[in-house]
Every structure is written in C-alpha cells, then in structure tokens.
Amino acid sequence: MICEHLQPIEQLIREKGIQETFRGQVWSKNCREWVYYDCFIDAVSLSERLNLAECVEIHKHLGTHDGSEYGFYCNEHHDGIMGVPPEMMKHKIILK
C-alpha cells in the first residue's frame, strides 16, 4: 500500500480509471513501493492544487536504457507514483 503522503494522488488517478502498469519495489532497495500509471501526471499542477506534505517532491528520470518516469516521490517512506515524462506523453491521458 502506498504511503499516506501519496494517497491523495493515487485516489485521483483511480477516480479517473487510469490503468496501473506496475506496482512493487523498483530498481533500488531504498525504494519501498512504486506505482506506475499509463498517463502523464502533471506534477506541477497537482502540487499547486493539493496540500502535499513537505516530504513529497517531484521526481523526473529520463533514462536512455532503463526507462523514463515522471511523478511524485516521498522522501520519508521512499514510495513513488509515476507516469510518463512530458517528453514521452504522445496520446497519453493527462492527470491535472
């Protein structure tokens, strides 16, 4: 289960019916639970709209061989909610 700091974001995603593509521990033991969705998460817009905890930050990784992701990361619990980066969002659902 994703931490309480990221639950408001996950609730919005579920209400939109956006497909989850992966849930679990990712590339590092320092990561607890990361959830990936088939959409672009407008993290800047959501950060302005939601009252997120200070431990939640916007995360972006543009990989060359290991995948790309864009979304939110909780520094306290090491959880993440990720979608596709804006550079790769061709025809993807946008969550604002």
N, C-alpha and C. Protein backbone atom coordinates (compact mmCIF):
# COMPACT_ATOMS: atom_id res chain seq x y z
N MET A 1 0.85 -1.18 0.00
CA MET A 1 0.00 0.00 0.00
C MET A 1 0.89 1.24 0.00
N ILE A 2 0.56 2.17 -0.85
CA ILE A 2 1.32 3.41 -0.98
C ILE A 2 1.17 4.24 0.30
N CYS A 3 2.18 5.02 0.64
CA CYS A 3 2.14 5.77 1.89
C CYS A 3 1.05 6.84 1.89
N GLU A 4 0.72 7.31 3.09
CA GLU A 4 -0.36 8.29 3.25
C GLU A 4 -0.07 9.61 2.56
N HIS A 5 1.20 9.92 2.34
CA HIS A 5 1.54 11.19 1.70
C HIS A 5 1.20 11.20 0.20
N LEU A 6 1.19 10.01 -0.41
CA LEU A 6 0.90 9.92 -1.85
C LEU A 6 -0.52 9.43 -2.13
N GLN A 7 -1.24 9.04 -1.10
CA GLN A 7 -2.60 8.51 -1.30
C GLN A 7 -3.56 9.49 -1.98
N PRO A 8 -3.51 10.80 -1.70
CA PRO A 8 -4.43 11.70 -2.41
C PRO A 8 -4.21 11.69 -3.93
N ILE A 9 -2.98 11.54 -4.35
CA ILE A 9 -2.67 11.48 -5.79
C ILE A 9 -3.20 10.17 -6.36
N GLU A 10 -2.94 9.08 -5.66
CA GLU A 10 -3.41 7.78 -6.13
C GLU A 10 -4.94 7.75 -6.21
N GLN A 11 -5.61 8.38 -5.27
CA GLN A 11 -7.08 8.42 -5.29
C GLN A 11 -7.58 9.15 -6.54
N LEU A 12 -6.96 10.26 -6.89
CA LEU A 12 -7.34 10.98 -8.11
C LEU A 12 -7.15 10.12 -9.35
N ILE A 13 -6.05 9.40 -9.39
CA ILE A 13 -5.77 8.53 -10.54
C ILE A 13 -6.81 7.43 -10.64
N ARG A 14 -7.14 6.81 -9.52
CA ARG A 14 -8.15 5.74 -9.53
C ARG A 14 -9.53 6.26 -9.94
N GLU A 15 -9.88 7.46 -9.48
CA GLU A 15 -11.17 8.05 -9.87
C GLU A 15 -11.26 8.27 -11.37
N LYS A 16 -10.13 8.53 -12.02
CA LYS A 16 -10.10 8.72 -13.47
C LYS A 16 -10.08 7.40 -14.22
N GLY A 17 -9.89 6.30 -13.52
CA GLY A 17 -9.87 4.98 -14.16
C GLY A 17 -8.61 4.73 -14.98
N ILE A 18 -7.52 5.38 -14.62
CA ILE A 18 -6.27 5.24 -15.36
C ILE A 18 -5.61 3.90 -15.02
N GLN A 19 -5.10 3.23 -16.04
CA GLN A 19 -4.54 1.89 -15.88
C GLN A 19 -3.21 1.91 -15.14
N GLU A 20 -3.12 1.08 -14.12
CA GLU A 20 -1.87 0.84 -13.40
C GLU A 20 -1.05 -0.14 -14.23
N THR A 21 0.24 0.16 -14.43
CA THR A 21 1.07 -0.73 -15.23
C THR A 21 2.08 -1.52 -14.41
N PHE A 22 2.39 -1.05 -13.20
CA PHE A 22 3.31 -1.77 -12.31
C PHE A 22 3.14 -1.27 -10.89
N ARG A 23 3.29 -2.18 -9.93
CA ARG A 23 3.29 -1.82 -8.51
C ARG A 23 4.26 -2.76 -7.82
N GLY A 24 5.20 -2.18 -7.07
CA GLY A 24 6.15 -3.00 -6.34
C GLY A 24 7.45 -2.27 -6.08
N GLN A 25 8.44 -3.03 -5.67
CA GLN A 25 9.75 -2.44 -5.40
C GLN A 25 10.50 -2.35 -6.73
N VAL A 26 11.08 -1.19 -6.98
CA VAL A 26 11.78 -0.97 -8.25
C VAL A 26 13.28 -1.13 -8.10
N TRP A 27 14.03 -0.39 -8.81
CA TRP A 27 15.46 -0.55 -9.05
C TRP A 27 16.37 -0.47 -7.84
N SER A 28 15.90 -0.16 -6.66
CA SER A 28 16.79 0.00 -5.51
C SER A 28 16.11 -0.49 -4.25
N LYS A 29 16.88 -1.00 -3.31
CA LYS A 29 16.31 -1.39 -2.03
C LYS A 29 15.90 -0.17 -1.22
N ASN A 30 16.35 1.02 -1.65
CA ASN A 30 15.95 2.26 -0.99
C ASN A 30 14.54 2.68 -1.41
N CYS A 31 13.97 1.98 -2.37
CA CYS A 31 12.59 2.25 -2.82
C CYS A 31 11.69 1.21 -2.18
N ARG A 32 10.58 1.66 -1.62
CA ARG A 32 9.65 0.74 -0.98
C ARG A 32 8.61 0.29 -2.00
N GLU A 33 7.57 1.09 -2.21
CA GLU A 33 6.55 0.75 -3.21
C GLU A 33 6.44 1.88 -4.21
N TRP A 34 6.59 1.54 -5.46
CA TRP A 34 6.40 2.50 -6.54
C TRP A 34 5.29 1.98 -7.42
N VAL A 35 4.44 2.91 -7.85
CA VAL A 35 3.30 2.56 -8.70
C VAL A 35 3.42 3.38 -9.98
N TYR A 36 3.28 2.69 -11.10
CA TYR A 36 3.37 3.34 -12.41
C TYR A 36 2.00 3.31 -13.08
N TYR A 37 1.67 4.42 -13.74
CA TYR A 37 0.40 4.55 -14.43
C TYR A 37 0.63 4.95 -15.88
N ASP A 38 -0.27 4.54 -16.73
CA ASP A 38 -0.20 4.82 -18.16
C ASP A 38 -0.79 6.19 -18.45
N CYS A 39 -0.10 7.24 -17.98
CA CYS A 39 -0.57 8.60 -18.18
C CYS A 39 0.57 9.58 -17.90
N PHE A 40 0.35 10.83 -18.23
CA PHE A 40 1.23 11.91 -17.81
C PHE A 40 0.61 12.54 -16.58
N ILE A 41 1.35 12.58 -15.48
CA ILE A 41 0.89 13.21 -14.25
C ILE A 41 1.45 14.62 -14.23
N ASP A 42 0.59 15.60 -14.30
CA ASP A 42 1.03 17.00 -14.27
C ASP A 42 1.38 17.34 -12.82
N ALA A 43 2.60 16.99 -12.45
CA ALA A 43 3.04 17.11 -11.05
C ALA A 43 3.07 18.56 -10.57
N VAL A 44 3.43 19.47 -11.44
CA VAL A 44 3.48 20.88 -11.05
C VAL A 44 2.07 21.37 -10.72
N SER A 45 1.12 21.09 -11.59
CA SER A 45 -0.27 21.50 -11.37
C SER A 45 -0.85 20.85 -10.12
N LEU A 46 -0.62 19.56 -9.94
CA LEU A 46 -1.13 18.86 -8.76
C LEU A 46 -0.49 19.37 -7.48
N SER A 47 0.80 19.69 -7.53
CA SER A 47 1.48 20.23 -6.36
C SER A 47 0.86 21.54 -5.92
N GLU A 48 0.48 22.36 -6.89
CA GLU A 48 -0.14 23.65 -6.58
C GLU A 48 -1.55 23.48 -6.03
N ARG A 49 -2.25 22.45 -6.50
CA ARG A 49 -3.65 22.25 -6.13
C ARG A 49 -3.84 21.47 -4.82
N LEU A 50 -2.98 20.48 -4.59
CA LEU A 50 -3.11 19.63 -3.41
C LEU A 50 -2.19 20.12 -2.30
N ASN A 51 -2.58 19.88 -1.10
CA ASN A 51 -1.75 20.26 0.05
C ASN A 51 -0.88 19.06 0.42
N LEU A 52 0.21 18.85 -0.34
CA LEU A 52 1.07 17.70 -0.13
C LEU A 52 2.08 17.97 0.97
N ALA A 53 2.48 16.93 1.65
CA ALA A 53 3.47 17.05 2.72
C ALA A 53 4.81 17.50 2.16
N GLU A 54 5.62 18.11 3.01
CA GLU A 54 6.94 18.60 2.59
C GLU A 54 7.86 17.48 2.12
N CYS A 55 7.61 16.26 2.57
CA CYS A 55 8.47 15.14 2.17
C CYS A 55 8.19 14.65 0.75
N VAL A 56 7.15 15.17 0.12
CA VAL A 56 6.80 14.77 -1.25
C VAL A 56 7.44 15.73 -2.23
N GLU A 57 8.17 15.18 -3.18
CA GLU A 57 8.82 16.01 -4.19
C GLU A 57 8.51 15.48 -5.59
N ILE A 58 8.68 16.36 -6.56
CA ILE A 58 8.51 15.96 -7.96
C ILE A 58 9.77 15.21 -8.38
N HIS A 59 9.58 14.10 -9.06
CA HIS A 59 10.68 13.25 -9.50
C HIS A 59 10.61 13.10 -11.01
N LYS A 60 11.77 13.22 -11.67
CA LYS A 60 11.84 13.02 -13.12
C LYS A 60 13.11 12.27 -13.45
N HIS A 61 12.96 11.24 -14.26
CA HIS A 61 14.11 10.48 -14.74
C HIS A 61 13.90 10.18 -16.22
N LEU A 62 14.80 10.66 -17.04
CA LEU A 62 14.77 10.36 -18.47
C LEU A 62 15.91 9.38 -18.77
N GLY A 63 15.57 8.12 -18.76
CA GLY A 63 16.58 7.10 -18.97
C GLY A 63 16.89 6.88 -20.44
N THR A 64 18.10 6.43 -20.70
CA THR A 64 18.48 6.10 -22.07
C THR A 64 18.29 4.61 -22.35
N HIS A 65 18.44 3.79 -21.31
CA HIS A 65 18.26 2.35 -21.48
C HIS A 65 17.46 1.72 -20.33
N ASP A 66 17.14 2.51 -19.33
CA ASP A 66 16.49 1.94 -18.15
C ASP A 66 15.11 2.50 -17.88
N GLY A 67 14.48 3.07 -18.88
CA GLY A 67 13.12 3.59 -18.72
C GLY A 67 13.10 5.03 -18.27
N SER A 68 11.95 5.64 -18.40
CA SER A 68 11.75 7.05 -18.03
C SER A 68 10.51 7.14 -17.16
N GLU A 69 10.51 8.13 -16.27
CA GLU A 69 9.38 8.29 -15.35
C GLU A 69 9.28 9.74 -14.89
N TYR A 70 8.07 10.11 -14.52
CA TYR A 70 7.82 11.46 -14.02
C TYR A 70 6.63 11.40 -13.08
N GLY A 71 6.78 11.94 -11.89
CA GLY A 71 5.68 11.92 -10.93
C GLY A 71 6.12 12.42 -9.57
N PHE A 72 5.73 11.70 -8.53
CA PHE A 72 6.00 12.12 -7.16
C PHE A 72 6.77 11.05 -6.40
N TYR A 73 7.63 11.52 -5.49
CA TYR A 73 8.43 10.65 -4.64
C TYR A 73 8.30 11.13 -3.20
N CYS A 74 8.09 10.21 -2.26
CA CYS A 74 8.04 10.54 -0.84
C CYS A 74 9.39 10.21 -0.21
N ASN A 75 10.07 11.26 0.25
CA ASN A 75 11.38 11.09 0.88
C ASN A 75 11.31 10.37 2.22
N GLU A 76 10.16 10.41 2.88
CA GLU A 76 10.03 9.76 4.18
C GLU A 76 9.85 8.26 4.06
N HIS A 77 8.98 7.83 3.15
CA HIS A 77 8.66 6.40 3.03
C HIS A 77 9.30 5.74 1.81
N HIS A 78 9.90 6.52 0.95
CA HIS A 78 10.56 6.01 -0.26
C HIS A 78 9.59 5.36 -1.22
N ASP A 79 8.37 5.89 -1.27
CA ASP A 79 7.36 5.45 -2.22
C ASP A 79 7.32 6.41 -3.40
N GLY A 80 6.77 5.96 -4.51
CA GLY A 80 6.65 6.81 -5.67
C GLY A 80 5.38 6.52 -6.45
N ILE A 81 4.85 7.55 -7.08
CA ILE A 81 3.75 7.42 -8.04
C ILE A 81 4.25 8.05 -9.32
N MET A 82 4.33 7.26 -10.39
CA MET A 82 4.95 7.72 -11.62
C MET A 82 4.04 7.51 -12.83
N GLY A 83 4.20 8.43 -13.74
CA GLY A 83 3.61 8.31 -15.06
C GLY A 83 4.73 8.51 -16.06
N VAL A 84 4.35 8.86 -17.28
CA VAL A 84 5.35 9.10 -18.32
C VAL A 84 5.80 10.56 -18.28
N PRO A 85 7.05 10.84 -18.64
CA PRO A 85 7.51 12.23 -18.69
C PRO A 85 6.79 13.00 -19.80
N PRO A 86 6.73 14.32 -19.68
CA PRO A 86 6.05 15.11 -20.71
C PRO A 86 6.65 14.92 -22.09
N GLU A 87 7.93 14.64 -22.15
CA GLU A 87 8.60 14.43 -23.44
C GLU A 87 8.13 13.17 -24.16
N MET A 88 7.49 12.27 -23.43
CA MET A 88 7.09 10.98 -24.00
C MET A 88 5.58 10.75 -23.94
N MET A 89 4.80 11.79 -23.77
CA MET A 89 3.38 11.60 -23.49
C MET A 89 2.47 11.52 -24.71
N LYS A 90 2.97 11.19 -25.84
CA LYS A 90 2.15 11.09 -27.05
C LYS A 90 0.86 10.32 -26.78
N HIS A 91 -0.24 10.99 -26.94
CA HIS A 91 -1.57 10.38 -26.83
C HIS A 91 -1.85 9.73 -25.48
N LYS A 92 -1.22 10.20 -24.44
CA LYS A 92 -1.45 9.65 -23.10
C LYS A 92 -2.51 10.50 -22.39
N ILE A 93 -3.15 9.90 -21.43
CA ILE A 93 -4.10 10.61 -20.58
C ILE A 93 -3.33 11.57 -19.71
N ILE A 94 -3.89 12.75 -19.48
CA ILE A 94 -3.24 13.73 -18.63
C ILE A 94 -4.02 13.86 -17.33
N LEU A 95 -3.34 13.75 -16.22
CA LEU A 95 -3.96 13.93 -14.90
C LEU A 95 -3.49 15.26 -14.35
N LYS A 96 -4.42 16.20 -14.19
CA LYS A 96 -4.10 17.54 -13.66
C LYS A 96 -4.77 17.74 -12.32
